[in-house]
Every structure is written in structure tokens, then in C-alpha cells.
Amino acid sequence: MIKNQHYVSRFYLQNFTDADGYLWVYDTQNSCVKRLRPNSICVENYLYETKFEDERAGKFVNPNEIECCFCKYEGEYSNLVRKIKSICVPEQNTNALILHTKEKRVLISFVVNLFIRNPQNMQKLNLTELPSEVYNSKDYQIVAKKLLDESGIDDAKSIFLASQKNVMLTENFPRSLPMQIIENLSRLNFTFLFAQKDMFITSDVPVIAGEDSSIADSNRTFLFFALTPKVAVIFGNYQFLACKRNRMVSIKHDAVLHLNQLSVAQMQDLYRRWIISCSKDQIEKYVRGVQNGI
């Protein structure tokens, strides 16, 4: 049974470690800068588990089912990030396509995975309660009785809650929530950004999503995700990036600063515990920005 369940993958956090394998982080709860190992943050006990209300049935419904589903993809995600990191170098491949078709699907799956499995987004999805229209429906009563008859467990509600969590968090079903987001995100252009002199920061909510009024399109959705301190990916139908779809663009200090400030600014609206960098100086700089209201 895996107790410590990471909602930000450890292999991802390791991309932001310093030469000694540590992360420099700003702890927003305690207002201090720390130096920590990747395995010590962005983790909660039994985060994806559903407890049985009827203790005779055991402690959890299908223990580690969701955790194991996430682990199954992490090798593929890690290999892809390594490839992107190796290709996105200014001295080479300045106009080359970065990913082939299958790899694009893996990238989008990785982005959606990190976005959807976060405790903050899980709370918004209200995965600990069944909608009343489901719980009181005739279909629910019929299926619940069938489950009870087959399993001998007098706790159909817990089974339904676990099933709901699976559908909302994993790609195990054709019309699951992640599959729907993947389908929508696949319609957007994406471009890789290389930070020439500065570095990107990240956090315990590493995927930034919203709407941008500067996009001249009916779909104004944008999404930003720092893959490493030097490479990020941005999704959105920006006209000035249309010719750079699936290619790399080098960006200067001011653009990196803007994207980092955007990441920090979202702390005001989102539950975030950690701002993360491979550099103590950079963390302290952005902490000063938060304190100054930037």
C-alpha cells in the first residue's frame, strides 16, 4: 500500500534541483525560504484513496488503484521531458519540429495529469460527495443493489465515490474528465519557450490555465507550464506564435520575468504551499515581488 502520494511527480521536481539535489522553495504557510529534497513536498497521505464507510469491507476501496494508474505513465512522461530538454537548445534545431504526433499526445496527457490530480482542483471537483441527483436516482438504487448483491458489502456509496474519483482523475474511460480536457487542449497551438538568461520557476500547482483577452479567437484559453528551469511550453491560439507551433522560441529576460510573475500572482487565487526554483537568489527575488505586491 503506497501511503505517501505525490500530486506533483518527483521526477518533475528533480528538474528544478540544484547541483546537490535540493530544491529552493518559499513556504507560503510559514513565510520562509527552505532547501528541501523533492520527495518531501507536494505529497499527502492517501490522497487518492476512498475510505469504506462500512469498516467490515476493509479500509479503502480498491487501494492504490488511482496511484498505480498515475505511476504507469510517469516513465513515459519523464522520457519525453528529457527529450524536449535535449532538443530545445538555441544552438541547434532553431526551426525544427520538436515532437511527433504520438509525443504530442503524451505531452498533453502529462500537462492534464499534473493539472487534474492537484488537491486544489480535486477540491473544486468535490470528489468526496456524490451529487444528490445521482445518490437519489433510480439508476443509483438499481446499480447499488446489484453491487451489494454481488459483493456482500453494505457500502455502495463508497464504491460509487471511488468510481466517481476514477472517472474524474484518470484516463481509464473514453469520456473521463482528463480525456475531455486532452481533447480540448489538442485543438490549441503550443510552442516551447527557452529562457535565454533567466530561469523559469514552478510551484505545487505547476500548470497555469486561464483566459487571455489578447487572443483573437473565440477560444481564448491559454495554458503555461515550466518543464525545466530553462524550457517551458505555452498553449494558446496566439497569432504571433502560429508559425512556431511545436517549435522552440528563445525569449529574453522581460518575457521570462512576466511569466514568472504570472505564476507567483496566481498564488493569491489558488491554494499554493510552495514556490520552487533551483536557485536561492531567484526564490528570494520572487518572494520580494510577492511581498511588494507584484
C-alpha atoms as a PDB file:
ATOM      1  CA  MET A   1       0.000   0.000   0.000  1.00  0.00           C
ATOM      2  CA  ILE A   2       1.517   3.333  -1.091  1.00  0.00           C
ATOM      3  CA  LYS A   3       0.788   5.807   1.703  1.00  0.00           C
ATOM      4  CA  ASN A   4       2.714   8.892   0.543  1.00  0.00           C
ATOM      5  CA  GLN A   5       1.061  10.004  -2.697  1.00  0.00           C
ATOM      6  CA  HIS A   6       2.690  12.809  -4.677  1.00  0.00           C
ATOM      7  CA  TYR A   7       0.442  15.191  -6.572  1.00  0.00           C
ATOM      8  CA  VAL A   8       3.451  16.723  -8.339  1.00  0.00           C
ATOM      9  CA  SER A   9       5.681  13.989  -9.748  1.00  0.00           C
ATOM     10  CA  ARG A  10       9.078  13.635  -8.106  1.00  0.00           C
ATOM     11  CA  PHE A  11      10.817  13.244 -11.483  1.00  0.00           C
ATOM     12  CA  TYR A  12       9.355  16.622 -12.485  1.00  0.00           C
ATOM     13  CA  LEU A  13      10.549  18.324  -9.290  1.00  0.00           C
ATOM     14  CA  GLN A  14      14.023  16.860  -9.773  1.00  0.00           C
ATOM     15  CA  ASN A  15      14.378  19.017 -12.888  1.00  0.00           C
ATOM     16  CA  PHE A  16      14.383  22.042 -10.550  1.00  0.00           C
ATOM     17  CA  THR A  17      17.015  20.817  -8.092  1.00  0.00           C
ATOM     18  CA  ASP A  18      20.389  22.458  -7.557  1.00  0.00           C
ATOM     19  CA  ALA A  19      23.749  20.738  -8.013  1.00  0.00           C
ATOM     20  CA  ASP A  20      23.315  18.951  -4.662  1.00  0.00           C
ATOM     21  CA  GLY A  21      19.852  17.591  -5.486  1.00  0.00           C
ATOM     22  CA  TYR A  22      17.880  20.091  -3.392  1.00  0.00           C
ATOM     23  CA  LEU A  23      15.013  22.418  -4.244  1.00  0.00           C
ATOM     24  CA  TRP A  24      14.960  26.028  -3.127  1.00  0.00           C
ATOM     25  CA  VAL A  25      11.397  26.778  -2.041  1.00  0.00           C
ATOM     26  CA  TYR A  26       9.359  29.549  -0.497  1.00  0.00           C
ATOM     27  CA  ASP A  27       6.962  28.141   2.103  1.00  0.00           C
ATOM     28  CA  THR A  28       3.878  30.365   1.872  1.00  0.00           C
ATOM     29  CA  GLN A  29       2.345  28.961   5.067  1.00  0.00           C
ATOM     30  CA  ASN A  30       5.327  29.873   7.209  1.00  0.00           C
ATOM     31  CA  SER A  31       6.676  32.773   5.094  1.00  0.00           C
ATOM     32  CA  CYS A  32      10.217  31.463   4.851  1.00  0.00           C
ATOM     33  CA  VAL A  33      12.725  30.136   2.322  1.00  0.00           C
ATOM     34  CA  LYS A  34      13.798  26.487   2.686  1.00  0.00           C
ATOM     35  CA  ARG A  35      16.077  23.987   0.985  1.00  0.00           C
ATOM     36  CA  LEU A  36      14.313  20.632   0.642  1.00  0.00           C
ATOM     37  CA  ARG A  37      14.514  17.288  -1.119  1.00  0.00           C
ATOM     38  CA  PRO A  38      11.915  16.694  -3.888  1.00  0.00           C
ATOM     39  CA  ASN A  39      10.361  13.729  -2.062  1.00  0.00           C
ATOM     40  CA  SER A  40       9.477  15.880   0.972  1.00  0.00           C
ATOM     41  CA  ILE A  41       6.993  18.265  -0.676  1.00  0.00           C
ATOM     42  CA  CYS A  42       3.846  18.084  -2.817  1.00  0.00           C
ATOM     43  CA  VAL A  43       2.763  14.874  -1.079  1.00  0.00           C
ATOM     44  CA  GLU A  44      -0.235  13.847   1.037  1.00  0.00           C
ATOM     45  CA  ASN A  45      -1.098  10.608   2.779  1.00  0.00           C
ATOM     46  CA  TYR A  46      -3.728   8.518   0.967  1.00  0.00           C
ATOM     47  CA  LEU A  47      -4.659  11.476  -1.244  1.00  0.00           C
ATOM     48  CA  TYR A  48      -6.402   9.459  -3.952  1.00  0.00           C
ATOM     49  CA  GLU A  49      -7.976   6.799  -1.723  1.00  0.00           C
ATOM     50  CA  THR A  50     -11.672   6.380  -0.832  1.00  0.00           C
ATOM     51  CA  LYS A  51     -12.436   5.013   2.635  1.00  0.00           C
ATOM     52  CA  PHE A  52     -15.158   2.457   3.173  1.00  0.00           C
ATOM     53  CA  GLU A  53     -17.874   3.713   5.493  1.00  0.00           C
ATOM     54  CA  ASP A  54     -18.562   0.091   6.373  1.00  0.00           C
ATOM     55  CA  GLU A  55     -15.300  -0.896   8.112  1.00  0.00           C
ATOM     56  CA  ARG A  56     -16.109  -4.576   7.691  1.00  0.00           C
ATOM     57  CA  ALA A  57     -15.351  -4.159   3.992  1.00  0.00           C
ATOM     58  CA  GLY A  58     -11.782  -3.006   4.656  1.00  0.00           C
ATOM     59  CA  LYS A  59     -10.094   0.374   4.877  1.00  0.00           C
ATOM     60  CA  PHE A  60     -10.087   1.595   1.251  1.00  0.00           C
ATOM     61  CA  VAL A  61     -11.978   0.802  -1.947  1.00  0.00           C
ATOM     62  CA  ASN A  62      -9.543  -0.725  -4.484  1.00  0.00           C
ATOM     63  CA  PRO A  63      -6.409   0.542  -2.648  1.00  0.00           C
ATOM     64  CA  ASN A  64      -3.845   2.394  -4.797  1.00  0.00           C
ATOM     65  CA  GLU A  65      -5.883   1.976  -8.000  1.00  0.00           C
ATOM     66  CA  ILE A  66      -5.529   5.652  -8.971  1.00  0.00           C
ATOM     67  CA  GLU A  67      -1.972   5.995  -7.634  1.00  0.00           C
ATOM     68  CA  CYS A  68      -0.859   2.991  -9.705  1.00  0.00           C
ATOM     69  CA  CYS A  69      -2.602   4.433 -12.762  1.00  0.00           C
ATOM     70  CA  PHE A  70      -0.569   7.638 -12.404  1.00  0.00           C
ATOM     71  CA  CYS A  71       2.681   5.728 -11.832  1.00  0.00           C
ATOM     72  CA  LYS A  72       2.083   3.743 -15.018  1.00  0.00           C
ATOM     73  CA  TYR A  73       2.572   6.839 -17.174  1.00  0.00           C
ATOM     74  CA  GLU A  74       5.430   8.528 -15.333  1.00  0.00           C
ATOM     75  CA  GLY A  75       8.228   6.716 -17.177  1.00  0.00           C
ATOM     76  CA  GLU A  76       6.783   7.888 -20.497  1.00  0.00           C
ATOM     77  CA  TYR A  77       6.375  11.443 -19.183  1.00  0.00           C
ATOM     78  CA  SER A  78       9.935  11.508 -17.818  1.00  0.00           C
ATOM     79  CA  ASN A  79      11.445  10.287 -21.094  1.00  0.00           C
ATOM     80  CA  LEU A  80       9.531  12.925 -23.013  1.00  0.00           C
ATOM     81  CA  VAL A  81      10.731  15.774 -20.774  1.00  0.00           C
ATOM     82  CA  ARG A  82      14.327  14.568 -21.213  1.00  0.00           C
ATOM     83  CA  LYS A  83      13.901  14.601 -24.987  1.00  0.00           C
ATOM     84  CA  ILE A  84      12.397  18.106 -25.008  1.00  0.00           C
ATOM     85  CA  LYS A  85      15.209  19.354 -22.760  1.00  0.00           C
ATOM     86  CA  SER A  86      17.860  17.917 -25.088  1.00  0.00           C
ATOM     87  CA  ILE A  87      16.298  19.327 -28.268  1.00  0.00           C
ATOM     88  CA  CYS A  88      15.366  22.790 -27.020  1.00  0.00           C
ATOM     89  CA  VAL A  89      18.840  24.293 -27.184  1.00  0.00           C
ATOM     90  CA  PRO A  90      19.300  27.600 -29.077  1.00  0.00           C
ATOM     91  CA  GLU A  91      22.446  26.438 -30.853  1.00  0.00           C
ATOM     92  CA  GLN A  92      20.511  23.745 -32.718  1.00  0.00           C
ATOM     93  CA  ASN A  93      17.117  22.941 -34.218  1.00  0.00           C
ATOM     94  CA  THR A  94      16.058  26.570 -34.334  1.00  0.00           C
ATOM     95  CA  ASN A  95      13.132  25.821 -36.636  1.00  0.00           C
ATOM     96  CA  ALA A  96      12.731  22.067 -36.241  1.00  0.00           C
ATOM     97  CA  LEU A  97       9.527  20.369 -35.121  1.00  0.00           C
ATOM     98  CA  ILE A  98      10.115  19.193 -31.560  1.00  0.00           C
ATOM     99  CA  LEU A  99       7.597  16.352 -31.158  1.00  0.00           C
ATOM    100  CA  HIS A 100       5.971  13.828 -33.445  1.00  0.00           C
ATOM    101  CA  THR A 101       2.252  13.010 -33.259  1.00  0.00           C
ATOM    102  CA  LYS A 102       2.402  10.379 -30.517  1.00  0.00           C
ATOM    103  CA  GLU A 103       4.705  12.526 -28.387  1.00  0.00           C
ATOM    104  CA  LYS A 104       2.301  15.465 -28.638  1.00  0.00           C
ATOM    105  CA  ARG A 105      -0.378  13.257 -27.090  1.00  0.00           C
ATOM    106  CA  VAL A 106       1.996  12.260 -24.281  1.00  0.00           C
ATOM    107  CA  LEU A 107       2.871  15.918 -23.574  1.00  0.00           C
ATOM    108  CA  ILE A 108      -0.793  16.922 -23.356  1.00  0.00           C
ATOM    109  CA  SER A 109      -1.550  13.919 -21.167  1.00  0.00           C
ATOM    110  CA  PHE A 110       1.279  14.957 -18.813  1.00  0.00           C
ATOM    111  CA  VAL A 111       0.014  18.543 -18.586  1.00  0.00           C
ATOM    112  CA  VAL A 112      -3.551  17.398 -17.868  1.00  0.00           C
ATOM    113  CA  ASN A 113      -2.335  14.814 -15.356  1.00  0.00           C
ATOM    114  CA  LEU A 114      -0.487  17.413 -13.269  1.00  0.00           C
ATOM    115  CA  PHE A 115      -3.399  19.831 -13.540  1.00  0.00           C
ATOM    116  CA  ILE A 116      -6.208  17.463 -12.569  1.00  0.00           C
ATOM    117  CA  ARG A 117      -4.567  15.473  -9.731  1.00  0.00           C
ATOM    118  CA  ASN A 118      -3.760  18.523  -7.605  1.00  0.00           C
ATOM    119  CA  PRO A 119      -5.611  18.712  -4.228  1.00  0.00           C
ATOM    120  CA  GLN A 120      -6.829  22.207  -5.061  1.00  0.00           C
ATOM    121  CA  ASN A 121      -8.520  21.063  -8.270  1.00  0.00           C
ATOM    122  CA  MET A 122      -9.747  17.870  -6.637  1.00  0.00           C
ATOM    123  CA  GLN A 123     -11.455  20.010  -4.015  1.00  0.00           C
ATOM    124  CA  LYS A 124     -13.157  22.062  -6.728  1.00  0.00           C
ATOM    125  CA  LEU A 125     -14.440  18.829  -8.273  1.00  0.00           C
ATOM    126  CA  ASN A 126     -15.948  17.884  -4.882  1.00  0.00           C
ATOM    127  CA  LEU A 127     -14.880  14.261  -5.185  1.00  0.00           C
ATOM    128  CA  THR A 128     -15.816  13.396  -1.603  1.00  0.00           C
ATOM    129  CA  GLU A 129     -19.563  13.703  -2.233  1.00  0.00           C
ATOM    130  CA  LEU A 130     -21.971  12.159  -4.689  1.00  0.00           C
ATOM    131  CA  PRO A 131     -24.289  14.658  -6.407  1.00  0.00           C
ATOM    132  CA  SER A 132     -27.753  14.389  -4.870  1.00  0.00           C
ATOM    133  CA  GLU A 133     -29.303  13.722  -8.288  1.00  0.00           C
ATOM    134  CA  VAL A 134     -27.071  10.646  -8.554  1.00  0.00           C
ATOM    135  CA  TYR A 135     -27.479   9.439  -4.993  1.00  0.00           C
ATOM    136  CA  ASN A 136     -31.276   9.715  -5.101  1.00  0.00           C
ATOM    137  CA  SER A 137     -31.764   8.447  -8.640  1.00  0.00           C
ATOM    138  CA  LYS A 138     -33.497   5.196  -9.517  1.00  0.00           C
ATOM    139  CA  ASP A 139     -30.444   4.117 -11.538  1.00  0.00           C
ATOM    140  CA  TYR A 140     -28.235   4.568  -8.490  1.00  0.00           C
ATOM    141  CA  GLN A 141     -30.552   2.436  -6.362  1.00  0.00           C
ATOM    142  CA  ILE A 142     -30.640  -0.330  -9.003  1.00  0.00           C
ATOM    143  CA  VAL A 143     -26.859  -0.384  -9.516  1.00  0.00           C
ATOM    144  CA  ALA A 144     -26.211  -0.102  -5.776  1.00  0.00           C
ATOM    145  CA  LYS A 145     -28.427  -3.121  -5.086  1.00  0.00           C
ATOM    146  CA  LYS A 146     -26.611  -5.094  -7.779  1.00  0.00           C
ATOM    147  CA  LEU A 147     -23.217  -4.195  -6.281  1.00  0.00           C
ATOM    148  CA  LEU A 148     -24.404  -5.159  -2.827  1.00  0.00           C
ATOM    149  CA  ASP A 149     -25.808  -8.482  -4.013  1.00  0.00           C
ATOM    150  CA  GLU A 150     -22.585  -9.311  -5.850  1.00  0.00           C
ATOM    151  CA  SER A 151     -20.086  -8.189  -3.219  1.00  0.00           C
ATOM    152  CA  GLY A 152     -21.916  -8.664   0.039  1.00  0.00           C
ATOM    153  CA  ILE A 153     -20.667  -5.209   1.069  1.00  0.00           C
ATOM    154  CA  ASP A 154     -23.237  -2.910   2.616  1.00  0.00           C
ATOM    155  CA  ASP A 155     -21.480   0.222   1.395  1.00  0.00           C
ATOM    156  CA  ALA A 156     -22.434   1.011  -2.184  1.00  0.00           C
ATOM    157  CA  LYS A 157     -21.940   4.743  -1.617  1.00  0.00           C
ATOM    158  CA  SER A 158     -18.187   4.290  -1.008  1.00  0.00           C
ATOM    159  CA  ILE A 159     -17.921   2.182  -4.153  1.00  0.00           C
ATOM    160  CA  PHE A 160     -19.691   4.875  -6.167  1.00  0.00           C
ATOM    161  CA  LEU A 161     -17.446   7.595  -4.697  1.00  0.00           C
ATOM    162  CA  ALA A 162     -14.342   5.625  -5.666  1.00  0.00           C
ATOM    163  CA  SER A 163     -15.732   5.113  -9.167  1.00  0.00           C
ATOM    164  CA  GLN A 164     -16.502   8.828  -9.492  1.00  0.00           C
ATOM    165  CA  LYS A 165     -12.948   9.698  -8.427  1.00  0.00           C
ATOM    166  CA  ASN A 166     -11.554   7.285 -11.014  1.00  0.00           C
ATOM    167  CA  VAL A 167     -13.630   8.813 -13.818  1.00  0.00           C
ATOM    168  CA  MET A 168     -12.694  12.378 -12.811  1.00  0.00           C
ATOM    169  CA  LEU A 169      -8.950  11.807 -12.344  1.00  0.00           C
ATOM    170  CA  THR A 170      -7.746   9.109 -14.752  1.00  0.00           C
ATOM    171  CA  GLU A 171      -7.723   8.311 -18.462  1.00  0.00           C
ATOM    172  CA  ASN A 172      -9.246   4.879 -17.840  1.00  0.00           C
ATOM    173  CA  PHE A 173     -12.545   5.776 -19.538  1.00  0.00           C
ATOM    174  CA  PRO A 174     -13.158   7.255 -23.025  1.00  0.00           C
ATOM    175  CA  ARG A 175     -15.282  10.152 -21.708  1.00  0.00           C
ATOM    176  CA  SER A 176     -13.462  10.734 -18.428  1.00  0.00           C
ATOM    177  CA  LEU A 177     -12.718  14.333 -17.434  1.00  0.00           C
ATOM    178  CA  PRO A 178      -8.989  14.100 -18.314  1.00  0.00           C
ATOM    179  CA  MET A 179      -9.850  12.655 -21.741  1.00  0.00           C
ATOM    180  CA  GLN A 180     -12.227  15.562 -22.406  1.00  0.00           C
ATOM    181  CA  ILE A 181      -9.586  18.129 -21.376  1.00  0.00           C
ATOM    182  CA  ILE A 182      -6.968  16.370 -23.514  1.00  0.00           C
ATOM    183  CA  GLU A 183      -9.319  16.568 -26.493  1.00  0.00           C
ATOM    184  CA  ASN A 184      -9.892  20.304 -25.964  1.00  0.00           C
ATOM    185  CA  LEU A 185      -6.223  21.081 -25.351  1.00  0.00           C
ATOM    186  CA  SER A 186      -5.245  19.226 -28.533  1.00  0.00           C
ATOM    187  CA  ARG A 187      -7.039  21.933 -30.543  1.00  0.00           C
ATOM    188  CA  LEU A 188      -4.704  24.657 -29.273  1.00  0.00           C
ATOM    189  CA  ASN A 189      -1.354  25.604 -30.749  1.00  0.00           C
ATOM    190  CA  PHE A 190       1.646  25.084 -28.499  1.00  0.00           C
ATOM    191  CA  THR A 191       5.173  26.477 -28.550  1.00  0.00           C
ATOM    192  CA  PHE A 192       8.258  25.697 -26.465  1.00  0.00           C
ATOM    193  CA  LEU A 193       9.962  28.659 -24.805  1.00  0.00           C
ATOM    194  CA  PHE A 194      13.684  28.770 -23.991  1.00  0.00           C
ATOM    195  CA  ALA A 195      14.820  31.217 -21.293  1.00  0.00           C
ATOM    196  CA  GLN A 196      17.973  32.851 -22.650  1.00  0.00           C
ATOM    197  CA  LYS A 197      19.457  34.315 -19.459  1.00  0.00           C
ATOM    198  CA  ASP A 198      16.923  33.930 -16.657  1.00  0.00           C
ATOM    199  CA  MET A 199      15.163  30.793 -15.391  1.00  0.00           C
ATOM    200  CA  PHE A 200      11.558  29.690 -15.002  1.00  0.00           C
ATOM    201  CA  ILE A 201      10.168  28.929 -11.570  1.00  0.00           C
ATOM    202  CA  THR A 202       7.452  26.425 -10.702  1.00  0.00           C
ATOM    203  CA  SER A 203       5.210  25.581  -7.750  1.00  0.00           C
ATOM    204  CA  ASP A 204       2.975  22.925  -6.227  1.00  0.00           C
ATOM    205  CA  VAL A 205       0.370  23.993  -8.818  1.00  0.00           C
ATOM    206  CA  PRO A 206       2.724  23.939 -11.817  1.00  0.00           C
ATOM    207  CA  VAL A 207       0.147  24.249 -14.619  1.00  0.00           C
ATOM    208  CA  ILE A 208      -1.280  27.761 -15.075  1.00  0.00           C
ATOM    209  CA  ALA A 209      -4.528  27.912 -17.055  1.00  0.00           C
ATOM    210  CA  GLY A 210      -6.933  30.730 -17.797  1.00  0.00           C
ATOM    211  CA  GLU A 211      -8.228  33.072 -20.480  1.00  0.00           C
ATOM    212  CA  ASP A 212      -6.253  35.738 -22.323  1.00  0.00           C
ATOM    213  CA  SER A 213      -8.156  38.605 -23.954  1.00  0.00           C
ATOM    214  CA  SER A 214      -5.221  39.232 -26.311  1.00  0.00           C
ATOM    215  CA  ILE A 215      -6.043  36.017 -28.206  1.00  0.00           C
ATOM    216  CA  ALA A 216      -8.065  36.973 -31.286  1.00  0.00           C
ATOM    217  CA  ASP A 217     -10.103  33.789 -31.265  1.00  0.00           C
ATOM    218  CA  SER A 218     -13.410  32.552 -29.920  1.00  0.00           C
ATOM    219  CA  ASN A 219     -11.384  30.207 -27.702  1.00  0.00           C
ATOM    220  CA  ARG A 220      -9.222  32.482 -25.542  1.00  0.00           C
ATOM    221  CA  THR A 221      -7.873  29.642 -23.408  1.00  0.00           C
ATOM    222  CA  PHE A 222      -4.159  29.689 -22.621  1.00  0.00           C
ATOM    223  CA  LEU A 223      -2.012  27.363 -20.555  1.00  0.00           C
ATOM    224  CA  PHE A 224       1.571  27.757 -19.360  1.00  0.00           C
ATOM    225  CA  PHE A 225       3.794  25.065 -17.867  1.00  0.00           C
ATOM    226  CA  ALA A 226       7.508  25.281 -16.960  1.00  0.00           C
ATOM    227  CA  LEU A 227       9.056  21.912 -17.830  1.00  0.00           C
ATOM    228  CA  THR A 228      12.554  22.779 -16.558  1.00  0.00           C
ATOM    229  CA  PRO A 229      14.253  25.988 -15.357  1.00  0.00           C
ATOM    230  CA  LYS A 230      15.178  26.740 -18.980  1.00  0.00           C
ATOM    231  CA  VAL A 231      12.280  25.288 -21.017  1.00  0.00           C
ATOM    232  CA  ALA A 232       8.535  25.889 -20.791  1.00  0.00           C
ATOM    233  CA  VAL A 233       5.556  25.214 -23.034  1.00  0.00           C
ATOM    234  CA  ILE A 234       2.686  27.595 -23.737  1.00  0.00           C
ATOM    235  CA  PHE A 235      -0.646  26.569 -25.270  1.00  0.00           C
ATOM    236  CA  GLY A 236      -2.957  29.090 -26.924  1.00  0.00           C
ATOM    237  CA  ASN A 237      -4.024  30.306 -30.352  1.00  0.00           C
ATOM    238  CA  TYR A 238      -1.683  33.310 -30.353  1.00  0.00           C
ATOM    239  CA  GLN A 239      -1.309  34.733 -33.845  1.00  0.00           C
ATOM    240  CA  PHE A 240       2.334  35.733 -33.327  1.00  0.00           C
ATOM    241  CA  LEU A 241       3.193  32.127 -32.365  1.00  0.00           C
ATOM    242  CA  ALA A 242       1.115  30.397 -35.052  1.00  0.00           C
ATOM    243  CA  CYS A 243       4.167  29.804 -37.267  1.00  0.00           C
ATOM    244  CA  LYS A 244       6.052  28.415 -34.258  1.00  0.00           C
ATOM    245  CA  ARG A 245       3.638  25.602 -33.424  1.00  0.00           C
ATOM    246  CA  ASN A 246       5.586  22.649 -31.990  1.00  0.00           C
ATOM    247  CA  ARG A 247       8.813  24.635 -32.336  1.00  0.00           C
ATOM    248  CA  MET A 248      11.130  26.477 -29.958  1.00  0.00           C
ATOM    249  CA  VAL A 249      11.328  30.226 -29.396  1.00  0.00           C
ATOM    250  CA  SER A 250      14.085  31.870 -27.345  1.00  0.00           C
ATOM    251  CA  ILE A 251      12.727  34.556 -25.033  1.00  0.00           C
ATOM    252  CA  LYS A 252      14.536  37.345 -23.211  1.00  0.00           C
ATOM    253  CA  HIS A 253      14.641  38.366 -19.570  1.00  0.00           C
ATOM    254  CA  ASP A 254      11.495  40.529 -19.599  1.00  0.00           C
ATOM    255  CA  ALA A 255       9.324  37.744 -21.047  1.00  0.00           C
ATOM    256  CA  VAL A 256      10.628  35.200 -18.523  1.00  0.00           C
ATOM    257  CA  LEU A 257      10.080  37.700 -15.727  1.00  0.00           C
ATOM    258  CA  HIS A 258       6.487  38.269 -16.866  1.00  0.00           C
ATOM    259  CA  LEU A 259       5.693  34.548 -16.939  1.00  0.00           C
ATOM    260  CA  ASN A 260       7.277  34.001 -13.521  1.00  0.00           C
ATOM    261  CA  GLN A 261       5.343  36.928 -12.078  1.00  0.00           C
ATOM    262  CA  LEU A 262       2.182  35.446 -13.572  1.00  0.00           C
ATOM    263  CA  SER A 263       2.947  32.195 -11.764  1.00  0.00           C
ATOM    264  CA  VAL A 264       3.506  33.985  -8.463  1.00  0.00           C
ATOM    265  CA  ALA A 265       0.468  36.238  -8.887  1.00  0.00           C
ATOM    266  CA  GLN A 266      -1.823  33.236  -9.149  1.00  0.00           C
ATOM    267  CA  MET A 267      -0.871  32.364  -5.578  1.00  0.00           C
ATOM    268  CA  GLN A 268      -3.377  34.979  -4.499  1.00  0.00           C
ATOM    269  CA  ASP A 269      -6.231  32.990  -6.077  1.00  0.00           C
ATOM    270  CA  LEU A 270      -5.046  29.390  -5.695  1.00  0.00           C
ATOM    271  CA  TYR A 271      -4.075  27.224  -2.791  1.00  0.00           C
ATOM    272  CA  ARG A 272      -0.306  27.082  -3.074  1.00  0.00           C
ATOM    273  CA  ARG A 273       2.138  25.999  -0.440  1.00  0.00           C
ATOM    274  CA  TRP A 274       5.399  26.174  -2.368  1.00  0.00           C
ATOM    275  CA  ILE A 275       7.169  28.388  -4.912  1.00  0.00           C
ATOM    276  CA  ILE A 276      10.040  26.335  -6.313  1.00  0.00           C
ATOM    277  CA  SER A 277      13.358  27.078  -8.018  1.00  0.00           C
ATOM    278  CA  CYS A 278      16.853  25.627  -8.394  1.00  0.00           C
ATOM    279  CA  SER A 279      18.295  28.962  -7.246  1.00  0.00           C
ATOM    280  CA  LYS A 280      18.171  30.602  -3.807  1.00  0.00           C
ATOM    281  CA  ASP A 281      18.710  34.051  -5.345  1.00  0.00           C
ATOM    282  CA  GLN A 282      15.806  33.588  -7.715  1.00  0.00           C
ATOM    283  CA  ILE A 283      13.435  32.422  -4.976  1.00  0.00           C
ATOM    284  CA  GLU A 284      14.352  35.384  -2.780  1.00  0.00           C
ATOM    285  CA  LYS A 285      13.803  37.742  -5.730  1.00  0.00           C
ATOM    286  CA  TYR A 286      10.289  36.474  -6.339  1.00  0.00           C
ATOM    287  CA  VAL A 287       9.496  36.432  -2.636  1.00  0.00           C
ATOM    288  CA  ARG A 288      10.319  40.142  -2.593  1.00  0.00           C
ATOM    289  CA  GLY A 289       7.962  40.510  -5.541  1.00  0.00           C
ATOM    290  CA  VAL A 290       5.144  38.838  -3.593  1.00  0.00           C
ATOM    291  CA  GLN A 291       5.826  40.992  -0.546  1.00  0.00           C
ATOM    292  CA  ASN A 292       5.776  44.126  -2.725  1.00  0.00           C
ATOM    293  CA  GLY A 293       2.503  43.103  -4.339  1.00  0.00           C
ATOM    294  CA  ILE A 294       3.969  42.350  -7.757  1.00  0.00           C
END
